[in-house]
Protein backbone atom coordinates (compact mmCIF):
# COMPACT_ATOMS: atom_id res chain seq x y z
CA UNK A 1 -16.56 -5.44 -24.74
CA UNK A 2 -13.95 -8.78 -24.31
CA UNK A 3 -10.70 -8.72 -27.14
CA UNK A 4 -9.27 -12.29 -27.25
CA UNK A 5 -5.25 -12.11 -27.79
CA UNK A 6 -6.28 -13.67 -31.36
CA UNK A 7 -7.82 -10.95 -32.32
CA UNK A 8 -11.73 -12.65 -31.77
CA UNK A 9 -14.34 -10.01 -30.06
CA UNK A 10 -16.68 -10.78 -27.34
CA UNK A 11 -20.02 -8.13 -26.83
CA UNK A 12 -22.87 -8.82 -24.95
CA UNK A 13 -25.49 -6.36 -23.91
CA UNK A 14 -26.26 -6.17 -20.51
CA UNK A 15 -29.12 -4.11 -21.40
CA UNK A 16 -31.33 -6.60 -22.79
CA UNK A 17 -33.22 -9.80 -21.04
CA UNK A 18 -30.78 -12.17 -22.75
CA UNK A 19 -27.85 -10.55 -20.46
CA UNK A 20 -24.57 -12.78 -21.70
CA UNK A 21 -25.90 -15.56 -23.35
CA UNK A 22 -26.88 -13.76 -27.17
CA UNK A 23 -23.70 -12.06 -28.17
CA UNK A 24 -23.64 -8.77 -30.60
CA UNK A 25 -20.02 -8.05 -32.07
CA UNK A 26 -21.36 -9.37 -35.46
CA UNK A 27 -24.29 -6.96 -35.29
CA UNK A 28 -22.68 -3.80 -34.06
CA UNK A 29 -19.39 -3.64 -35.78
CA UNK A 30 -19.24 0.21 -35.46
CA UNK A 31 -19.82 -0.65 -31.18
CA UNK A 32 -16.81 -3.06 -31.10
CA UNK A 33 -14.55 -0.47 -33.51
CA UNK A 34 -15.04 2.44 -31.15
CA UNK A 35 -15.13 0.07 -27.90
CA UNK A 36 -11.34 -0.73 -29.93
CA UNK A 37 -9.96 2.74 -30.29
CA UNK A 38 -10.64 3.61 -26.55
CA UNK A 39 -8.99 0.56 -25.56
CA UNK A 40 -6.26 1.31 -27.85
CA UNK A 41 -6.32 4.97 -25.76
CA UNK A 42 -6.49 3.66 -22.58
CA UNK A 43 -4.06 1.21 -22.82
CA UNK A 44 -1.24 3.83 -24.52
CA UNK A 45 -1.37 1.75 -27.58
């Protein structure tokens, strides 16, 4: 996951053959939310 300062999120499935050519953030909002929460904890936010 890449979280940009403007709130734009990029998420890619590295287990698929598409790799980083097919963003899945829009179809996986629950994964984005989970990763954002983990990131906040790690950064102490």
